[in-house]
Amino acid sequence: MISREMTGETMNLNINYLLFQLIHLASEQDDGVNQEEILRLISESSFEKGVMRGSKAHLTRFACEYGDYLSQLRKNVSRGVLGEIEREIRENYAENITLKGLSEKYYVNSAYLGQLFRKKNGQSFKDYLNNYRMERAADLLLHTDKKIVEIAEEVGYHDLDYFVNRFILVKGCTPAKFRREA
């Protein structure tokens, strides 16, 4: 008959395997942090006086502390990804940038990325991109003699009517009037 209780050696082997998997999970989130050091600190702090390694109390406390650590790590990673996406918009706003394409590039679920983006910027990714393009267009209208159709193309709009309608929506007047009255 096989014993239902784990031996101490089997318990340690399973705990070590769990710890290895947790280190791997965290290092996928941020490979720049010394995961083993974090794991050591969390492991040490999850022991109370008289609590045995592998006991229910130890594993419960460890799981809670490591969960908090992963949550914080995810927040840091999200901030980094959002910063990269904002940089991409600044550098490539005239290109056909999509949230789906960026989510694939940065290995983040597109729905989750959209929620993060809205939470940080107070507007959807698409609105943010369009507003950024309009700001660039307004700057070009004020500081160049380029034709409106050239400016529309330069900021990523290939349909002049759509560009003019978006400009009116954002700036409250046509691009020509904006240029004249500035």
C-alpha atoms as a PDB file:
ATOM      1  CA  MET A   1       0.000   0.000   0.000  1.00  0.00           C
ATOM      2  CA  ILE A   2       1.314   3.456  -0.977  1.00  0.00           C
ATOM      3  CA  SER A   3       1.505   6.008   1.779  1.00  0.00           C
ATOM      4  CA  ARG A   4      -0.754   9.038   1.315  1.00  0.00           C
ATOM      5  CA  GLU A   5       1.700  11.263   3.114  1.00  0.00           C
ATOM      6  CA  MET A   6       4.594  12.839   1.297  1.00  0.00           C
ATOM      7  CA  THR A   7       8.060  12.191   2.530  1.00  0.00           C
ATOM      8  CA  GLY A   8      10.139  15.205   3.493  1.00  0.00           C
ATOM      9  CA  GLU A   9      12.304  14.664   0.422  1.00  0.00           C
ATOM     10  CA  THR A  10       9.297  14.607  -1.936  1.00  0.00           C
ATOM     11  CA  MET A  11       7.878  17.693  -0.244  1.00  0.00           C
ATOM     12  CA  ASN A  12      11.149  19.590  -0.707  1.00  0.00           C
ATOM     13  CA  LEU A  13      11.379  18.470  -4.325  1.00  0.00           C
ATOM     14  CA  ASN A  14       7.850  19.753  -5.022  1.00  0.00           C
ATOM     15  CA  ILE A  15       8.481  23.039  -3.209  1.00  0.00           C
ATOM     16  CA  ASN A  16      11.708  23.577  -5.134  1.00  0.00           C
ATOM     17  CA  TYR A  17       9.911  22.854  -8.411  1.00  0.00           C
ATOM     18  CA  LEU A  18       7.213  25.398  -7.475  1.00  0.00           C
ATOM     19  CA  LEU A  19       9.865  27.989  -6.633  1.00  0.00           C
ATOM     20  CA  PHE A  20      11.645  27.341  -9.945  1.00  0.00           C
ATOM     21  CA  GLN A  21       8.370  27.873 -11.844  1.00  0.00           C
ATOM     22  CA  LEU A  22       7.686  31.100  -9.950  1.00  0.00           C
ATOM     23  CA  ILE A  23      11.173  32.422 -10.744  1.00  0.00           C
ATOM     24  CA  HIS A  24      10.597  31.561 -14.399  1.00  0.00           C
ATOM     25  CA  LEU A  25       7.194  33.312 -14.407  1.00  0.00           C
ATOM     26  CA  ALA A  26       8.633  36.458 -12.856  1.00  0.00           C
ATOM     27  CA  SER A  27      11.687  36.527 -15.137  1.00  0.00           C
ATOM     28  CA  GLU A  28       9.372  36.405 -18.162  1.00  0.00           C
ATOM     29  CA  GLN A  29       7.847  39.650 -16.846  1.00  0.00           C
ATOM     30  CA  ASP A  30      11.143  41.412 -16.155  1.00  0.00           C
ATOM     31  CA  ASP A  31      14.484  39.821 -16.908  1.00  0.00           C
ATOM     32  CA  GLY A  32      16.381  42.732 -15.366  1.00  0.00           C
ATOM     33  CA  VAL A  33      15.468  41.987 -11.754  1.00  0.00           C
ATOM     34  CA  ASN A  34      17.419  39.497  -9.653  1.00  0.00           C
ATOM     35  CA  GLN A  35      14.563  37.032  -9.255  1.00  0.00           C
ATOM     36  CA  GLU A  36      16.529  34.657  -7.020  1.00  0.00           C
ATOM     37  CA  GLU A  37      17.231  37.459  -4.554  1.00  0.00           C
ATOM     38  CA  ILE A  38      13.546  38.443  -4.473  1.00  0.00           C
ATOM     39  CA  LEU A  39      12.569  34.794  -4.014  1.00  0.00           C
ATOM     40  CA  ARG A  40      15.053  34.436  -1.141  1.00  0.00           C
ATOM     41  CA  LEU A  41      13.701  37.548   0.605  1.00  0.00           C
ATOM     42  CA  ILE A  42      10.093  36.438   0.194  1.00  0.00           C
ATOM     43  CA  SER A  43      10.930  32.905   1.342  1.00  0.00           C
ATOM     44  CA  GLU A  44      12.690  34.191   4.443  1.00  0.00           C
ATOM     45  CA  SER A  45       9.883  36.572   5.332  1.00  0.00           C
ATOM     46  CA  SER A  46       7.226  33.884   4.914  1.00  0.00           C
ATOM     47  CA  PHE A  47       8.584  31.905   7.894  1.00  0.00           C
ATOM     48  CA  GLU A  48       7.207  32.710  11.296  1.00  0.00           C
ATOM     49  CA  LYS A  49       8.544  31.375  14.545  1.00  0.00           C
ATOM     50  CA  GLY A  50       7.946  27.651  14.502  1.00  0.00           C
ATOM     51  CA  VAL A  51       6.490  27.467  10.968  1.00  0.00           C
ATOM     52  CA  MET A  52       7.867  24.544   8.979  1.00  0.00           C
ATOM     53  CA  ARG A  53       8.853  24.762   5.319  1.00  0.00           C
ATOM     54  CA  GLY A  54       6.047  23.202   3.318  1.00  0.00           C
ATOM     55  CA  SER A  55       3.406  23.601   5.994  1.00  0.00           C
ATOM     56  CA  LYS A  56       0.044  25.070   5.054  1.00  0.00           C
ATOM     57  CA  ALA A  57       0.828  28.294   6.944  1.00  0.00           C
ATOM     58  CA  HIS A  58       4.210  28.650   5.207  1.00  0.00           C
ATOM     59  CA  LEU A  59       2.856  28.031   1.699  1.00  0.00           C
ATOM     60  CA  THR A  60      -0.129  30.316   2.259  1.00  0.00           C
ATOM     61  CA  ARG A  61       2.026  33.183   3.455  1.00  0.00           C
ATOM     62  CA  PHE A  62       4.588  32.603   0.689  1.00  0.00           C
ATOM     63  CA  ALA A  63       1.867  32.531  -1.998  1.00  0.00           C
ATOM     64  CA  CYS A  64       0.397  35.812  -0.748  1.00  0.00           C
ATOM     65  CA  GLU A  65       3.761  37.584  -0.658  1.00  0.00           C
ATOM     66  CA  TYR A  66       4.808  36.258  -4.059  1.00  0.00           C
ATOM     67  CA  GLY A  67       1.416  37.220  -5.509  1.00  0.00           C
ATOM     68  CA  ASP A  68       1.947  40.782  -4.275  1.00  0.00           C
ATOM     69  CA  TYR A  69       5.407  40.792  -5.848  1.00  0.00           C
ATOM     70  CA  LEU A  70       4.075  39.564  -9.224  1.00  0.00           C
ATOM     71  CA  SER A  71       1.317  42.169  -9.116  1.00  0.00           C
ATOM     72  CA  GLN A  72       3.854  44.954  -8.582  1.00  0.00           C
ATOM     73  CA  LEU A  73       6.080  43.506 -11.288  1.00  0.00           C
ATOM     74  CA  ARG A  74       3.183  43.470 -13.734  1.00  0.00           C
ATOM     75  CA  LYS A  75       2.434  47.127 -12.980  1.00  0.00           C
ATOM     76  CA  ASN A  76       6.069  48.027 -13.680  1.00  0.00           C
ATOM     77  CA  VAL A  77       6.077  46.034 -16.919  1.00  0.00           C
ATOM     78  CA  SER A  78       2.805  47.662 -17.997  1.00  0.00           C
ATOM     79  CA  ARG A  79       4.273  51.121 -17.431  1.00  0.00           C
ATOM     80  CA  GLY A  80       7.280  50.146 -19.527  1.00  0.00           C
ATOM     81  CA  VAL A  81       5.137  48.829 -22.369  1.00  0.00           C
ATOM     82  CA  LEU A  82       2.936  51.924 -22.322  1.00  0.00           C
ATOM     83  CA  GLY A  83       6.022  54.117 -22.484  1.00  0.00           C
ATOM     84  CA  GLU A  84       7.271  52.152 -25.485  1.00  0.00           C
ATOM     85  CA  ILE A  85       3.906  52.478 -27.216  1.00  0.00           C
ATOM     86  CA  GLU A  86       3.803  56.228 -26.626  1.00  0.00           C
ATOM     87  CA  ARG A  87       7.326  56.449 -28.068  1.00  0.00           C
ATOM     88  CA  GLU A  88       6.176  54.427 -31.092  1.00  0.00           C
ATOM     89  CA  ILE A  89       3.309  56.885 -31.628  1.00  0.00           C
ATOM     90  CA  ARG A  90       5.651  59.887 -31.426  1.00  0.00           C
ATOM     91  CA  GLU A  91       8.097  58.324 -33.889  1.00  0.00           C
ATOM     92  CA  ASN A  92       5.686  56.589 -36.293  1.00  0.00           C
ATOM     93  CA  TYR A  93       2.390  58.485 -36.021  1.00  0.00           C
ATOM     94  CA  ALA A  94       2.086  58.804 -39.812  1.00  0.00           C
ATOM     95  CA  GLU A  95       2.237  55.021 -40.249  1.00  0.00           C
ATOM     96  CA  ASN A  96      -0.674  52.619 -39.972  1.00  0.00           C
ATOM     97  CA  ILE A  97      -0.273  51.949 -36.240  1.00  0.00           C
ATOM     98  CA  THR A  98      -2.872  49.707 -34.621  1.00  0.00           C
ATOM     99  CA  LEU A  99      -3.392  48.563 -31.075  1.00  0.00           C
ATOM    100  CA  LYS A 100      -3.548  44.982 -32.339  1.00  0.00           C
ATOM    101  CA  GLY A 101      -0.191  45.328 -34.086  1.00  0.00           C
ATOM    102  CA  LEU A 102       1.430  46.866 -31.019  1.00  0.00           C
ATOM    103  CA  SER A 103      -0.053  44.221 -28.730  1.00  0.00           C
ATOM    104  CA  GLU A 104       1.506  41.529 -30.907  1.00  0.00           C
ATOM    105  CA  LYS A 105       4.839  43.342 -30.982  1.00  0.00           C
ATOM    106  CA  TYR A 106       4.980  43.702 -27.184  1.00  0.00           C
ATOM    107  CA  TYR A 107       3.319  40.357 -26.360  1.00  0.00           C
ATOM    108  CA  VAL A 108       0.406  41.889 -24.463  1.00  0.00           C
ATOM    109  CA  ASN A 109      -3.248  41.009 -24.910  1.00  0.00           C
ATOM    110  CA  SER A 110      -4.821  43.764 -27.048  1.00  0.00           C
ATOM    111  CA  ALA A 111      -7.932  44.135 -24.858  1.00  0.00           C
ATOM    112  CA  TYR A 112      -5.776  44.413 -21.739  1.00  0.00           C
ATOM    113  CA  LEU A 113      -3.434  46.862 -23.478  1.00  0.00           C
ATOM    114  CA  GLY A 114      -6.401  48.991 -24.538  1.00  0.00           C
ATOM    115  CA  GLN A 115      -7.634  49.103 -20.936  1.00  0.00           C
ATOM    116  CA  LEU A 116      -4.185  50.056 -19.635  1.00  0.00           C
ATOM    117  CA  PHE A 117      -3.836  52.742 -22.288  1.00  0.00           C
ATOM    118  CA  ARG A 118      -7.250  54.251 -21.515  1.00  0.00           C
ATOM    119  CA  LYS A 119      -6.551  54.168 -17.775  1.00  0.00           C
ATOM    120  CA  LYS A 120      -3.210  55.951 -18.153  1.00  0.00           C
ATOM    121  CA  ASN A 121      -4.173  58.491 -20.845  1.00  0.00           C
ATOM    122  CA  GLY A 122      -7.880  59.020 -20.235  1.00  0.00           C
ATOM    123  CA  GLN A 123      -8.734  58.177 -23.834  1.00  0.00           C
ATOM    124  CA  SER A 124      -8.665  55.243 -26.198  1.00  0.00           C
ATOM    125  CA  PHE A 125      -5.555  54.361 -28.184  1.00  0.00           C
ATOM    126  CA  LYS A 126      -7.253  55.416 -31.428  1.00  0.00           C
ATOM    127  CA  ASP A 127      -8.318  58.799 -30.014  1.00  0.00           C
ATOM    128  CA  TYR A 128      -4.838  59.359 -28.583  1.00  0.00           C
ATOM    129  CA  LEU A 129      -3.232  58.587 -31.955  1.00  0.00           C
ATOM    130  CA  ASN A 130      -5.676  60.814 -33.864  1.00  0.00           C
ATOM    131  CA  ASN A 131      -5.233  63.673 -31.398  1.00  0.00           C
ATOM    132  CA  TYR A 132      -1.458  63.352 -31.632  1.00  0.00           C
ATOM    133  CA  ARG A 133      -1.699  63.490 -35.419  1.00  0.00           C
ATOM    134  CA  MET A 134      -3.883  66.606 -35.188  1.00  0.00           C
ATOM    135  CA  GLU A 135      -1.338  68.305 -32.923  1.00  0.00           C
ATOM    136  CA  ARG A 136       1.401  67.553 -35.447  1.00  0.00           C
ATOM    137  CA  ALA A 137      -0.833  68.830 -38.260  1.00  0.00           C
ATOM    138  CA  ALA A 138      -1.564  72.044 -36.344  1.00  0.00           C
ATOM    139  CA  ASP A 139       2.167  72.558 -35.804  1.00  0.00           C
ATOM    140  CA  LEU A 140       2.860  72.056 -39.521  1.00  0.00           C
ATOM    141  CA  LEU A 141       0.054  74.457 -40.449  1.00  0.00           C
ATOM    142  CA  LEU A 142       1.568  77.144 -38.236  1.00  0.00           C
ATOM    143  CA  HIS A 143       5.229  76.626 -39.049  1.00  0.00           C
ATOM    144  CA  THR A 144       5.345  75.628 -42.726  1.00  0.00           C
ATOM    145  CA  ASP A 145       3.899  76.741 -46.039  1.00  0.00           C
ATOM    146  CA  LYS A 146       2.995  73.197 -47.039  1.00  0.00           C
ATOM    147  CA  LYS A 147      -0.351  72.600 -48.693  1.00  0.00           C
ATOM    148  CA  ILE A 148      -3.071  71.113 -46.514  1.00  0.00           C
ATOM    149  CA  VAL A 149      -3.162  67.956 -48.623  1.00  0.00           C
ATOM    150  CA  GLU A 150       0.606  67.503 -48.054  1.00  0.00           C
ATOM    151  CA  ILE A 151       0.187  67.974 -44.315  1.00  0.00           C
ATOM    152  CA  ALA A 152      -2.663  65.469 -44.233  1.00  0.00           C
ATOM    153  CA  GLU A 153      -0.451  62.873 -45.940  1.00  0.00           C
ATOM    154  CA  GLU A 154       2.513  63.693 -43.719  1.00  0.00           C
ATOM    155  CA  VAL A 155       0.553  63.044 -40.525  1.00  0.00           C
ATOM    156  CA  GLY A 156      -0.988  59.802 -41.768  1.00  0.00           C
ATOM    157  CA  TYR A 157      -4.268  60.733 -43.457  1.00  0.00           C
ATOM    158  CA  HIS A 158      -4.594  59.672 -47.088  1.00  0.00           C
ATOM    159  CA  ASP A 159      -8.163  60.954 -47.447  1.00  0.00           C
ATOM    160  CA  LEU A 160      -8.231  64.769 -47.388  1.00  0.00           C
ATOM    161  CA  ASP A 161     -11.949  64.974 -46.555  1.00  0.00           C
ATOM    162  CA  TYR A 162     -11.505  62.651 -43.581  1.00  0.00           C
ATOM    163  CA  PHE A 163      -8.512  64.696 -42.399  1.00  0.00           C
ATOM    164  CA  VAL A 164     -10.462  67.972 -42.633  1.00  0.00           C
ATOM    165  CA  ASN A 165     -13.427  66.475 -40.755  1.00  0.00           C
ATOM    166  CA  ARG A 166     -11.155  65.116 -38.004  1.00  0.00           C
ATOM    167  CA  PHE A 167      -9.372  68.488 -37.784  1.00  0.00           C
ATOM    168  CA  ILE A 168     -12.675  70.325 -37.386  1.00  0.00           C
ATOM    169  CA  LEU A 169     -13.753  67.840 -34.720  1.00  0.00           C
ATOM    170  CA  VAL A 170     -10.552  68.318 -32.723  1.00  0.00           C
ATOM    171  CA  LYS A 171      -9.704  71.999 -33.370  1.00  0.00           C
ATOM    172  CA  GLY A 172     -13.147  73.471 -34.025  1.00  0.00           C
ATOM    173  CA  CYS A 173     -12.340  74.918 -37.445  1.00  0.00           C
ATOM    174  CA  THR A 174     -10.963  73.946 -40.834  1.00  0.00           C
ATOM    175  CA  PRO A 175      -7.192  73.649 -41.297  1.00  0.00           C
ATOM    176  CA  ALA A 176      -7.241  76.689 -43.626  1.00  0.00           C
ATOM    177  CA  LYS A 177      -9.059  78.830 -41.058  1.00  0.00           C
ATOM    178  CA  PHE A 178      -6.740  77.574 -38.315  1.00  0.00           C
ATOM    179  CA  ARG A 179      -3.721  78.658 -40.361  1.00  0.00           C
ATOM    180  CA  ARG A 180      -5.232  82.075 -41.206  1.00  0.00           C
ATOM    181  CA  GLU A 181      -6.295  82.937 -37.684  1.00  0.00           C
ATOM    182  CA  ALA A 182      -3.177  81.789 -35.883  1.00  0.00           C
END
